[in-house]
Amino acid sequence: MKHPQSQSITNLPLSPDEERRHRMIKYSVAMGIRVLCIISILFVPGWWVIIPAVGAVFLPYFAVVIANVSTDPRKGDVQRPGNILPMTTPLPRPRSRATRKATTSDRVR
């Protein structure tokens, strides 16, 4: 069973390259719509031309805002392991009496 505090790979945010790719796709789609607005200005008759003109003028601003808004559901708080302690050198184990007697008797000889 998984420990509730353990970090999962799905909790990690997107890599910078992946996030940049998503933003570029969003921006490119919005700019494609702007190009369609500019082209439709030539073919829309009468006062209806205002709608694609407004889209062509204001869409660059909204494209930047939309591209920079993060919609990654994994973008929440990254869970960090909490029980990691710095590694210390082990203390020498105390010798038993039998080991001490054997080493002292070896020195006497």
PDB file of N, CA and C in Angstrom:
ATOM      1  N   MET A   1       0.834  -1.175   0.000  1.00  0.00           N
ATOM      2  CA  MET A   1       0.000   0.000   0.000  1.00  0.00           C
ATOM      3  C   MET A   1       0.879   1.239   0.000  1.00  0.00           C
ATOM      4  N   LYS A   2       0.516   2.236  -0.776  1.00  0.00           N
ATOM      5  CA  LYS A   2       1.306   3.457  -0.878  1.00  0.00           C
ATOM      6  C   LYS A   2       1.128   4.304   0.361  1.00  0.00           C
ATOM      7  N   HIS A   3       2.192   4.907   0.769  1.00  0.00           N
ATOM      8  CA  HIS A   3       2.138   5.839   1.886  1.00  0.00           C
ATOM      9  C   HIS A   3       1.467   7.117   1.407  1.00  0.00           C
ATOM     10  N   PRO A   4       0.550   7.720   2.181  1.00  0.00           N
ATOM     11  CA  PRO A   4      -0.183   8.895   1.692  1.00  0.00           C
ATOM     12  C   PRO A   4       0.709  10.102   1.405  1.00  0.00           C
ATOM     13  N   GLN A   5       1.885  10.181   2.006  1.00  0.00           N
ATOM     14  CA  GLN A   5       2.770  11.313   1.786  1.00  0.00           C
ATOM     15  C   GLN A   5       3.780  11.069   0.671  1.00  0.00           C
ATOM     16  N   SER A   6       3.760   9.882   0.074  1.00  0.00           N
ATOM     17  CA  SER A   6       4.754   9.592  -0.952  1.00  0.00           C
ATOM     18  C   SER A   6       4.496  10.419  -2.203  1.00  0.00           C
ATOM     19  N   GLN A   7       5.573  10.762  -2.875  1.00  0.00           N
ATOM     20  CA  GLN A   7       5.475  11.605  -4.061  1.00  0.00           C
ATOM     21  C   GLN A   7       5.199  10.738  -5.279  1.00  0.00           C
ATOM     22  N   SER A   8       4.245  11.164  -6.069  1.00  0.00           N
ATOM     23  CA  SER A   8       3.886  10.421  -7.262  1.00  0.00           C
ATOM     24  C   SER A   8       4.360  11.194  -8.482  1.00  0.00           C
ATOM     25  N   ILE A   9       4.675  10.490  -9.535  1.00  0.00           N
ATOM     26  CA  ILE A   9       5.136  11.136 -10.762  1.00  0.00           C
ATOM     27  C   ILE A   9       4.043  12.019 -11.360  1.00  0.00           C
ATOM     28  N   THR A  10       2.781  11.701 -11.088  1.00  0.00           N
ATOM     29  CA  THR A  10       1.691  12.503 -11.643  1.00  0.00           C
ATOM     30  C   THR A  10       1.536  13.827 -10.912  1.00  0.00           C
ATOM     31  N   ASN A  11       2.165  13.981  -9.751  1.00  0.00           N
ATOM     32  CA  ASN A  11       2.095  15.244  -9.022  1.00  0.00           C
ATOM     33  C   ASN A  11       3.122  16.250  -9.521  1.00  0.00           C
ATOM     34  N   LEU A  12       4.068  15.819 -10.295  1.00  0.00           N
ATOM     35  CA  LEU A  12       5.111  16.715 -10.762  1.00  0.00           C
ATOM     36  C   LEU A  12       4.582  17.606 -11.881  1.00  0.00           C
ATOM     37  N   PRO A  13       5.029  18.864 -11.932  1.00  0.00           N
ATOM     38  CA  PRO A  13       4.588  19.747 -13.015  1.00  0.00           C
ATOM     39  C   PRO A  13       5.216  19.337 -14.340  1.00  0.00           C
ATOM     40  N   LEU A  14       4.690  19.908 -15.420  1.00  0.00           N
ATOM     41  CA  LEU A  14       5.242  19.623 -16.740  1.00  0.00           C
ATOM     42  C   LEU A  14       6.665  20.151 -16.830  1.00  0.00           C
ATOM     43  N   SER A  15       7.451  19.534 -17.683  1.00  0.00           N
ATOM     44  CA  SER A  15       8.803  20.030 -17.907  1.00  0.00           C
ATOM     45  C   SER A  15       8.711  21.371 -18.635  1.00  0.00           C
ATOM     46  N   PRO A  16       9.733  22.222 -18.519  1.00  0.00           N
ATOM     47  CA  PRO A  16       9.686  23.517 -19.198  1.00  0.00           C
ATOM     48  C   PRO A  16       9.496  23.398 -20.711  1.00  0.00           C
ATOM     49  N   ASP A  17      10.104  22.402 -21.334  1.00  0.00           N
ATOM     50  CA  ASP A  17       9.935  22.218 -22.782  1.00  0.00           C
ATOM     51  C   ASP A  17       8.497  21.857 -23.131  1.00  0.00           C
ATOM     52  N   GLU A  18       7.895  20.971 -22.330  1.00  0.00           N
ATOM     53  CA  GLU A  18       6.507  20.556 -22.571  1.00  0.00           C
ATOM     54  C   GLU A  18       5.544  21.724 -22.350  1.00  0.00           C
ATOM     55  N   GLU A  19       5.797  22.502 -21.299  1.00  0.00           N
ATOM     56  CA  GLU A  19       4.942  23.652 -21.022  1.00  0.00           C
ATOM     57  C   GLU A  19       5.051  24.702 -22.136  1.00  0.00           C
ATOM     58  N   ARG A  20       6.273  24.941 -22.611  1.00  0.00           N
ATOM     59  CA  ARG A  20       6.478  25.898 -23.705  1.00  0.00           C
ATOM     60  C   ARG A  20       5.762  25.436 -24.968  1.00  0.00           C
ATOM     61  N   ARG A  21       5.798  24.145 -25.231  1.00  0.00           N
ATOM     62  CA  ARG A  21       5.122  23.586 -26.406  1.00  0.00           C
ATOM     63  C   ARG A  21       3.611  23.819 -26.333  1.00  0.00           C
ATOM     64  N   HIS A  22       3.026  23.590 -25.155  1.00  0.00           N
ATOM     65  CA  HIS A  22       1.589  23.815 -24.981  1.00  0.00           C
ATOM     66  C   HIS A  22       1.235  25.287 -25.185  1.00  0.00           C
ATOM     67  N   ARG A  23       2.069  26.178 -24.648  1.00  0.00           N
ATOM     68  CA  ARG A  23       1.799  27.615 -24.810  1.00  0.00           C
ATOM     69  C   ARG A  23       1.910  28.040 -26.266  1.00  0.00           C
ATOM     70  N   MET A  24       2.886  27.497 -26.988  1.00  0.00           N
ATOM     71  CA  MET A  24       3.050  27.858 -28.397  1.00  0.00           C
ATOM     72  C   MET A  24       1.871  27.370 -29.232  1.00  0.00           C
ATOM     73  N   ILE A  25       1.340  26.198 -28.894  1.00  0.00           N
ATOM     74  CA  ILE A  25       0.173  25.680 -29.622  1.00  0.00           C
ATOM     75  C   ILE A  25      -1.026  26.590 -29.394  1.00  0.00           C
ATOM     76  N   LYS A  26      -1.264  26.980 -28.125  1.00  0.00           N
ATOM     77  CA  LYS A  26      -2.393  27.876 -27.824  1.00  0.00           C
ATOM     78  C   LYS A  26      -2.246  29.201 -28.565  1.00  0.00           C
ATOM     79  N   TYR A  27      -1.035  29.770 -28.537  1.00  0.00           N
ATOM     80  CA  TYR A  27      -0.800  31.052 -29.193  1.00  0.00           C
ATOM     81  C   TYR A  27      -0.968  30.923 -30.704  1.00  0.00           C
ATOM     82  N   SER A  28      -0.473  29.843 -31.283  1.00  0.00           N
ATOM     83  CA  SER A  28      -0.581  29.655 -32.736  1.00  0.00           C
ATOM     84  C   SER A  28      -2.028  29.500 -33.182  1.00  0.00           C
ATOM     85  N   VAL A  29      -2.834  28.804 -32.392  1.00  0.00           N
ATOM     86  CA  VAL A  29      -4.252  28.666 -32.730  1.00  0.00           C
ATOM     87  C   VAL A  29      -4.936  30.028 -32.689  1.00  0.00           C
ATOM     88  N   ALA A  30      -4.651  30.815 -31.658  1.00  0.00           N
ATOM     89  CA  ALA A  30      -5.259  32.144 -31.556  1.00  0.00           C
ATOM     90  C   ALA A  30      -4.812  33.046 -32.714  1.00  0.00           C
ATOM     91  N   MET A  31      -3.557  32.972 -33.110  1.00  0.00           N
ATOM     92  CA  MET A  31      -3.085  33.800 -34.222  1.00  0.00           C
ATOM     93  C   MET A  31      -3.653  33.306 -35.553  1.00  0.00           C
ATOM     94  N   GLY A  32      -3.905  32.006 -35.659  1.00  0.00           N
ATOM     95  CA  GLY A  32      -4.574  31.485 -36.853  1.00  0.00           C
ATOM     96  C   GLY A  32      -5.993  32.034 -36.973  1.00  0.00           C
ATOM     97  N   ILE A  33      -6.688  32.119 -35.832  1.00  0.00           N
ATOM     98  CA  ILE A  33      -8.027  32.714 -35.841  1.00  0.00           C
ATOM     99  C   ILE A  33      -7.944  34.190 -36.230  1.00  0.00           C
ATOM    100  N   ARG A  34      -6.885  34.873 -35.792  1.00  0.00           N
ATOM    101  CA  ARG A  34      -6.717  36.287 -36.162  1.00  0.00           C
ATOM    102  C   ARG A  34      -6.518  36.431 -37.668  1.00  0.00           C
ATOM    103  N   VAL A  35      -5.742  35.540 -38.258  1.00  0.00           N
ATOM    104  CA  VAL A  35      -5.538  35.593 -39.713  1.00  0.00           C
ATOM    105  C   VAL A  35      -6.868  35.391 -40.430  1.00  0.00           C
ATOM    106  N   LEU A  36      -7.677  34.458 -39.929  1.00  0.00           N
ATOM    107  CA  LEU A  36      -9.005  34.259 -40.526  1.00  0.00           C
ATOM    108  C   LEU A  36      -9.875  35.513 -40.378  1.00  0.00           C
ATOM    109  N   CYS A  37      -9.748  36.208 -39.250  1.00  0.00           N
ATOM    110  CA  CYS A  37     -10.495  37.463 -39.072  1.00  0.00           C
ATOM    111  C   CYS A  37     -10.049  38.506 -40.098  1.00  0.00           C
ATOM    112  N   ILE A  38      -8.750  38.616 -40.307  1.00  0.00           N
ATOM    113  CA  ILE A  38      -8.236  39.599 -41.270  1.00  0.00           C
ATOM    114  C   ILE A  38      -8.713  39.263 -42.678  1.00  0.00           C
ATOM    115  N   ILE A  39      -8.663  37.987 -43.042  1.00  0.00           N
ATOM    116  CA  ILE A  39      -9.117  37.591 -44.379  1.00  0.00           C
ATOM    117  C   ILE A  39     -10.621  37.808 -44.527  1.00  0.00           C
ATOM    118  N   SER A  40     -11.378  37.522 -43.456  1.00  0.00           N
ATOM    119  CA  SER A  40     -12.839  37.673 -43.554  1.00  0.00           C
ATOM    120  C   SER A  40     -13.259  39.141 -43.655  1.00  0.00           C
ATOM    121  N   ILE A  41     -12.397  40.067 -43.263  1.00  0.00           N
ATOM    122  CA  ILE A  41     -12.707  41.494 -43.425  1.00  0.00           C
ATOM    123  C   ILE A  41     -12.931  41.813 -44.907  1.00  0.00           C
ATOM    124  N   LEU A  42     -12.197  41.147 -45.783  1.00  0.00           N
ATOM    125  CA  LEU A  42     -12.302  41.406 -47.214  1.00  0.00           C
ATOM    126  C   LEU A  42     -13.619  40.895 -47.813  1.00  0.00           C
ATOM    127  N   PHE A  43     -14.228  39.902 -47.174  1.00  0.00           N
ATOM    128  CA  PHE A  43     -15.398  39.268 -47.764  1.00  0.00           C
ATOM    129  C   PHE A  43     -16.716  39.560 -47.049  1.00  0.00           C
ATOM    130  N   VAL A  44     -16.672  40.113 -45.856  1.00  0.00           N
ATOM    131  CA  VAL A  44     -17.895  40.383 -45.097  1.00  0.00           C
ATOM    132  C   VAL A  44     -18.434  41.749 -45.537  1.00  0.00           C
ATOM    133  N   PRO A  45     -19.702  41.804 -45.926  1.00  0.00           N
ATOM    134  CA  PRO A  45     -20.254  43.082 -46.402  1.00  0.00           C
ATOM    135  C   PRO A  45     -20.829  43.925 -45.248  1.00  0.00           C
ATOM    136  N   GLY A  46     -20.877  45.229 -45.479  1.00  0.00           N
ATOM    137  CA  GLY A  46     -21.578  46.156 -44.586  1.00  0.00           C
ATOM    138  C   GLY A  46     -20.923  46.323 -43.230  1.00  0.00           C
ATOM    139  N   TRP A  47     -21.797  46.631 -42.267  1.00  0.00           N
ATOM    140  CA  TRP A  47     -21.287  46.899 -40.924  1.00  0.00           C
ATOM    141  C   TRP A  47     -20.851  45.631 -40.194  1.00  0.00           C
ATOM    142  N   TRP A  48     -21.137  44.448 -40.756  1.00  0.00           N
ATOM    143  CA  TRP A  48     -20.691  43.188 -40.169  1.00  0.00           C
ATOM    144  C   TRP A  48     -19.167  43.072 -40.175  1.00  0.00           C
ATOM    145  N   VAL A  49     -18.516  43.916 -40.952  1.00  0.00           N
ATOM    146  CA  VAL A  49     -17.060  43.897 -41.017  1.00  0.00           C
ATOM    147  C   VAL A  49     -16.438  44.296 -39.669  1.00  0.00           C
ATOM    148  N   ILE A  50     -17.223  44.929 -38.811  1.00  0.00           N
ATOM    149  CA  ILE A  50     -16.713  45.366 -37.499  1.00  0.00           C
ATOM    150  C   ILE A  50     -16.341  44.153 -36.630  1.00  0.00           C
ATOM    151  N   ILE A  51     -17.115  43.100 -36.727  1.00  0.00           N
ATOM    152  CA  ILE A  51     -16.866  41.926 -35.869  1.00  0.00           C
ATOM    153  C   ILE A  51     -15.491  41.303 -36.143  1.00  0.00           C
ATOM    154  N   PRO A  52     -15.154  40.954 -37.388  1.00  0.00           N
ATOM    155  CA  PRO A  52     -13.800  40.410 -37.609  1.00  0.00           C
ATOM    156  C   PRO A  52     -12.707  41.448 -37.397  1.00  0.00           C
ATOM    157  N   ALA A  53     -13.015  42.744 -37.612  1.00  0.00           N
ATOM    158  CA  ALA A  53     -12.010  43.782 -37.383  1.00  0.00           C
ATOM    159  C   ALA A  53     -11.669  43.876 -35.892  1.00  0.00           C
ATOM    160  N   VAL A  54     -12.681  43.828 -35.053  1.00  0.00           N
ATOM    161  CA  VAL A  54     -12.439  43.858 -33.604  1.00  0.00           C
ATOM    162  C   VAL A  54     -11.658  42.610 -33.188  1.00  0.00           C
ATOM    163  N   GLY A  55     -12.022  41.474 -33.753  1.00  0.00           N
ATOM    164  CA  GLY A  55     -11.280  40.249 -33.461  1.00  0.00           C
ATOM    165  C   GLY A  55      -9.827  40.346 -33.881  1.00  0.00           C
ATOM    166  N   ALA A  56      -9.576  40.925 -35.044  1.00  0.00           N
ATOM    167  CA  ALA A  56      -8.208  41.060 -35.535  1.00  0.00           C
ATOM    168  C   ALA A  56      -7.387  42.023 -34.689  1.00  0.00           C
ATOM    169  N   VAL A  57      -8.051  43.040 -34.127  1.00  0.00           N
ATOM    170  CA  VAL A  57      -7.328  44.038 -33.330  1.00  0.00           C
ATOM    171  C   VAL A  57      -7.045  43.532 -31.919  1.00  0.00           C
ATOM    172  N   PHE A  58      -8.037  42.927 -31.257  1.00  0.00           N
ATOM    173  CA  PHE A  58      -7.888  42.554 -29.850  1.00  0.00           C
ATOM    174  C   PHE A  58      -7.411  41.128 -29.617  1.00  0.00           C
ATOM    175  N   LEU A  59      -7.437  40.301 -30.610  1.00  0.00           N
ATOM    176  CA  LEU A  59      -7.040  38.910 -30.430  1.00  0.00           C
ATOM    177  C   LEU A  59      -5.567  38.737 -30.048  1.00  0.00           C
ATOM    178  N   PRO A  60      -4.625  39.544 -30.515  1.00  0.00           N
ATOM    179  CA  PRO A  60      -3.233  39.348 -30.065  1.00  0.00           C
ATOM    180  C   PRO A  60      -3.070  39.471 -28.549  1.00  0.00           C
ATOM    181  N   TYR A  61      -3.757  40.434 -27.952  1.00  0.00           N
ATOM    182  CA  TYR A  61      -3.677  40.585 -26.498  1.00  0.00           C
ATOM    183  C   TYR A  61      -4.224  39.340 -25.804  1.00  0.00           C
ATOM    184  N   PHE A  62      -5.403  38.902 -26.200  1.00  0.00           N
ATOM    185  CA  PHE A  62      -6.009  37.739 -25.578  1.00  0.00           C
ATOM    186  C   PHE A  62      -5.220  36.465 -25.859  1.00  0.00           C
ATOM    187  N   ALA A  63      -4.555  36.411 -27.010  1.00  0.00           N
ATOM    188  CA  ALA A  63      -3.744  35.232 -27.336  1.00  0.00           C
ATOM    189  C   ALA A  63      -2.579  35.097 -26.355  1.00  0.00           C
ATOM    190  N   VAL A  64      -1.955  36.200 -26.019  1.00  0.00           N
ATOM    191  CA  VAL A  64      -0.844  36.160 -25.064  1.00  0.00           C
ATOM    192  C   VAL A  64      -1.347  35.770 -23.680  1.00  0.00           C
ATOM    193  N   VAL A  65      -2.462  36.354 -23.260  1.00  0.00           N
ATOM    194  CA  VAL A  65      -3.017  36.033 -21.947  1.00  0.00           C
ATOM    195  C   VAL A  65      -3.424  34.567 -21.878  1.00  0.00           C
ATOM    196  N   ILE A  66      -4.101  34.074 -22.896  1.00  0.00           N
ATOM    197  CA  ILE A  66      -4.546  32.680 -22.911  1.00  0.00           C
ATOM    198  C   ILE A  66      -3.346  31.734 -22.934  1.00  0.00           C
ATOM    199  N   ALA A  67      -2.320  32.082 -23.691  1.00  0.00           N
ATOM    200  CA  ALA A  67      -1.153  31.202 -23.787  1.00  0.00           C
ATOM    201  C   ALA A  67      -0.387  31.133 -22.475  1.00  0.00           C
ATOM    202  N   ASN A  68      -0.395  32.203 -21.697  1.00  0.00           N
ATOM    203  CA  ASN A  68       0.387  32.223 -20.465  1.00  0.00           C
ATOM    204  C   ASN A  68      -0.373  31.732 -19.242  1.00  0.00           C
ATOM    205  N   VAL A  69      -1.666  31.495 -19.371  1.00  0.00           N
ATOM    206  CA  VAL A  69      -2.439  30.954 -18.252  1.00  0.00           C
ATOM    207  C   VAL A  69      -2.186  29.459 -18.200  1.00  0.00           C
ATOM    208  N   SER A  70      -1.787  28.989 -17.024  1.00  0.00           N
ATOM    209  CA  SER A  70      -1.509  27.569 -16.872  1.00  0.00           C
ATOM    210  C   SER A  70      -2.796  26.821 -16.565  1.00  0.00           C
ATOM    211  N   THR A  71      -3.090  25.807 -17.349  1.00  0.00           N
ATOM    212  CA  THR A  71      -4.272  24.990 -17.117  1.00  0.00           C
ATOM    213  C   THR A  71      -3.886  23.558 -16.778  1.00  0.00           C
ATOM    214  N   ASP A  72      -2.624  23.353 -16.396  1.00  0.00           N
ATOM    215  CA  ASP A  72      -2.162  22.020 -16.048  1.00  0.00           C
ATOM    216  C   ASP A  72      -2.720  21.629 -14.686  1.00  0.00           C
ATOM    217  N   PRO A  73      -3.541  20.567 -14.624  1.00  0.00           N
ATOM    218  CA  PRO A  73      -4.106  20.192 -13.334  1.00  0.00           C
ATOM    219  C   PRO A  73      -3.054  19.685 -12.353  1.00  0.00           C
ATOM    220  N   ARG A  74      -1.905  19.272 -12.867  1.00  0.00           N
ATOM    221  CA  ARG A  74      -0.835  18.791 -12.001  1.00  0.00           C
ATOM    222  C   ARG A  74      -0.001  19.929 -11.447  1.00  0.00           C
ATOM    223  N   LYS A  75      -0.324  21.167 -11.800  1.00  0.00           N
ATOM    224  CA  LYS A  75       0.496  22.319 -11.449  1.00  0.00           C
ATOM    225  C   LYS A  75       0.371  22.689  -9.971  1.00  0.00           C
ATOM    226  N   GLY A  76      -0.401  21.959  -9.202  1.00  0.00           N
ATOM    227  CA  GLY A  76      -0.593  22.277  -7.790  1.00  0.00           C
ATOM    228  C   GLY A  76       0.701  22.174  -7.004  1.00  0.00           C
ATOM    229  N   ASP A  77       0.553  22.050  -5.715  1.00  0.00           N
ATOM    230  CA  ASP A  77       1.722  21.952  -4.857  1.00  0.00           C
ATOM    231  C   ASP A  77       2.456  20.643  -5.105  1.00  0.00           C
ATOM    232  N   VAL A  78       3.750  20.741  -5.214  1.00  0.00           N
ATOM    233  CA  VAL A  78       4.571  19.562  -5.380  1.00  0.00           C
ATOM    234  C   VAL A  78       4.793  18.975  -3.989  1.00  0.00           C
ATOM    235  N   GLN A  79       4.480  17.715  -3.849  1.00  0.00           N
ATOM    236  CA  GLN A  79       4.675  17.074  -2.563  1.00  0.00           C
ATOM    237  C   GLN A  79       6.134  16.704  -2.429  1.00  0.00           C
ATOM    238  N   ARG A  80       6.714  17.129  -1.329  1.00  0.00           N
ATOM    239  CA  ARG A  80       8.112  16.844  -1.090  1.00  0.00           C
ATOM    240  C   ARG A  80       8.225  15.814   0.035  1.00  0.00           C
ATOM    241  N   PRO A  81       9.178  14.910  -0.070  1.00  0.00           N
ATOM    242  CA  PRO A  81       9.340  13.929   1.001  1.00  0.00           C
ATOM    243  C   PRO A  81       9.742  14.632   2.291  1.00  0.00           C
ATOM    244  N   GLY A  82       9.109  14.273   3.394  1.00  0.00           N
ATOM    245  CA  GLY A  82       9.364  14.969   4.649  1.00  0.00           C
ATOM    246  C   GLY A  82      10.237  14.208   5.614  1.00  0.00           C
ATOM    247  N   ASN A  83      10.463  12.937   5.406  1.00  0.00           N
ATOM    248  CA  ASN A  83      11.207  12.147   6.377  1.00  0.00           C
ATOM    249  C   ASN A  83      12.659  11.941   5.999  1.00  0.00           C
ATOM    250  N   ILE A  84      13.183  12.708   5.107  1.00  0.00           N
ATOM    251  CA  ILE A  84      14.575  12.540   4.707  1.00  0.00           C
ATOM    252  C   ILE A  84      15.447  13.355   5.655  1.00  0.00           C
ATOM    253  N   LEU A  85      16.371  12.689   6.294  1.00  0.00           N
ATOM    254  CA  LEU A  85      17.292  13.339   7.205  1.00  0.00           C
ATOM    255  C   LEU A  85      18.677  13.325   6.593  1.00  0.00           C
ATOM    256  N   PRO A  86      19.519  14.298   6.966  1.00  0.00           N
ATOM    257  CA  PRO A  86      20.876  14.282   6.424  1.00  0.00           C
ATOM    258  C   PRO A  86      21.624  13.034   6.916  1.00  0.00           C
ATOM    259  N   MET A  87      22.452  12.521   6.050  1.00  0.00           N
ATOM    260  CA  MET A  87      23.176  11.303   6.375  1.00  0.00           C
ATOM    261  C   MET A  87      24.354  11.638   7.281  1.00  0.00           C
ATOM    262  N   THR A  88      24.507  10.891   8.369  1.00  0.00           N
ATOM    263  CA  THR A  88      25.618  11.098   9.289  1.00  0.00           C
ATOM    264  C   THR A  88      26.488   9.858   9.292  1.00  0.00           C
ATOM    265  N   THR A  89      27.719  10.025   9.730  1.00  0.00           N
ATOM    266  CA  THR A  89      28.614   8.870   9.811  1.00  0.00           C
ATOM    267  C   THR A  89      28.206   8.031  11.013  1.00  0.00           C
ATOM    268  N   PRO A  90      28.242   6.732  10.878  1.00  0.00           N
ATOM    269  CA  PRO A  90      27.842   5.883  11.997  1.00  0.00           C
ATOM    270  C   PRO A  90      28.852   5.986  13.140  1.00  0.00           C
ATOM    271  N   LEU A  91      28.356   5.946  14.370  1.00  0.00           N
ATOM    272  CA  LEU A  91      29.226   5.971  15.540  1.00  0.00           C
ATOM    273  C   LEU A  91      29.864   4.610  15.710  1.00  0.00           C
ATOM    274  N   PRO A  92      31.101   4.575  16.241  1.00  0.00           N
ATOM    275  CA  PRO A  92      31.727   3.263  16.455  1.00  0.00           C
ATOM    276  C   PRO A  92      30.962   2.501  17.541  1.00  0.00           C
ATOM    277  N   ARG A  93      30.822   1.223  17.325  1.00  0.00           N
ATOM    278  CA  ARG A  93      30.087   0.410  18.285  1.00  0.00           C
ATOM    279  C   ARG A  93      30.972   0.140  19.497  1.00  0.00           C
ATOM    280  N   PRO A  94      30.377   0.226  20.680  1.00  0.00           N
ATOM    281  CA  PRO A  94      31.195  -0.077  21.869  1.00  0.00           C
ATOM    282  C   PRO A  94      31.570  -1.558  21.885  1.00  0.00           C
ATOM    283  N   ARG A  95      32.777  -1.815  22.312  1.00  0.00           N
ATOM    284  CA  ARG A  95      33.254  -3.193  22.351  1.00  0.00           C
ATOM    285  C   ARG A  95      32.699  -3.900  23.586  1.00  0.00           C
ATOM    286  N   SER A  96      32.472  -5.164  23.436  1.00  0.00           N
ATOM    287  CA  SER A  96      31.974  -5.940  24.572  1.00  0.00           C
ATOM    288  C   SER A  96      33.116  -6.248  25.534  1.00  0.00           C
ATOM    289  N   ARG A  97      32.814  -6.743  26.753  1.00  0.00           N
ATOM    290  CA  ARG A  97      33.846  -7.061  27.749  1.00  0.00           C
ATOM    291  C   ARG A  97      34.767  -8.166  27.255  1.00  0.00           C
ATOM    292  N   ALA A  98      34.188  -9.135  26.569  1.00  0.00           N
ATOM    293  CA  ALA A  98      35.011 -10.255  26.089  1.00  0.00           C
ATOM    294  C   ALA A  98      36.037  -9.744  25.084  1.00  0.00           C
ATOM    295  N   THR A  99      35.634  -8.815  24.235  1.00  0.00           N
ATOM    296  CA  THR A  99      36.565  -8.257  23.252  1.00  0.00           C
ATOM    297  C   THR A  99      37.631  -7.440  23.967  1.00  0.00           C
ATOM    298  N   ARG A 100      37.227  -6.677  25.002  1.00  0.00           N
ATOM    299  CA  ARG A 100      38.203  -5.875  25.742  1.00  0.00           C
ATOM    300  C   ARG A 100      39.209  -6.767  26.470  1.00  0.00           C
ATOM    301  N   LYS A 101      38.749  -7.870  27.084  1.00  0.00           N
ATOM    302  CA  LYS A 101      39.652  -8.768  27.800  1.00  0.00           C
ATOM    303  C   LYS A 101      40.629  -9.415  26.834  1.00  0.00           C
ATOM    304  N   ALA A 102      40.133  -9.787  25.653  1.00  0.00           N
ATOM    305  CA  ALA A 102      41.008 -10.448  24.684  1.00  0.00           C
ATOM    306  C   ALA A 102      42.065  -9.478  24.190  1.00  0.00           C
ATOM    307  N   THR A 103      41.734  -8.245  23.949  1.00  0.00           N
ATOM    308  CA  THR A 103      42.725  -7.286  23.447  1.00  0.00           C
ATOM    309  C   THR A 103      43.698  -6.901  24.550  1.00  0.00           C
ATOM    310  N   THR A 104      43.252  -6.788  25.818  1.00  0.00           N
ATOM    311  CA  THR A 104      44.185  -6.432  26.898  1.00  0.00           C
ATOM    312  C   THR A 104      45.099  -7.593  27.221  1.00  0.00           C
ATOM    313  N   SER A 105      44.614  -8.850  27.129  1.00  0.00           N
ATOM    314  CA  SER A 105      45.481  -9.989  27.409  1.00  0.00           C
ATOM    315  C   SER A 105      46.513 -10.148  26.284  1.00  0.00           C
ATOM    316  N   ASP A 106      46.162  -9.754  25.065  1.00  0.00           N
ATOM    317  CA  ASP A 106      47.117  -9.814  23.979  1.00  0.00           C
ATOM    318  C   ASP A 106      48.239  -8.797  24.183  1.00  0.00           C
ATOM    319  N   ARG A 107      47.917  -7.680  24.780  1.00  0.00           N
ATOM    320  CA  ARG A 107      48.926  -6.645  25.015  1.00  0.00           C
ATOM    321  C   ARG A 107      49.879  -7.039  26.141  1.00  0.00           C
ATOM    322  N   VAL A 108      49.394  -7.781  27.116  1.00  0.00           N
ATOM    323  CA  VAL A 108      50.214  -8.167  28.257  1.00  0.00           C
ATOM    324  C   VAL A 108      51.300  -9.125  27.827  1.00  0.00           C
ATOM    325  N   ARG A 109      51.034  -9.981  26.938  1.00  0.00           N
ATOM    326  CA  ARG A 109      52.005 -10.990  26.507  1.00  0.00           C
ATOM    327  C   ARG A 109      53.145 -10.388  25.855  1.00  0.00           C
TER     328      ARG A 109
END
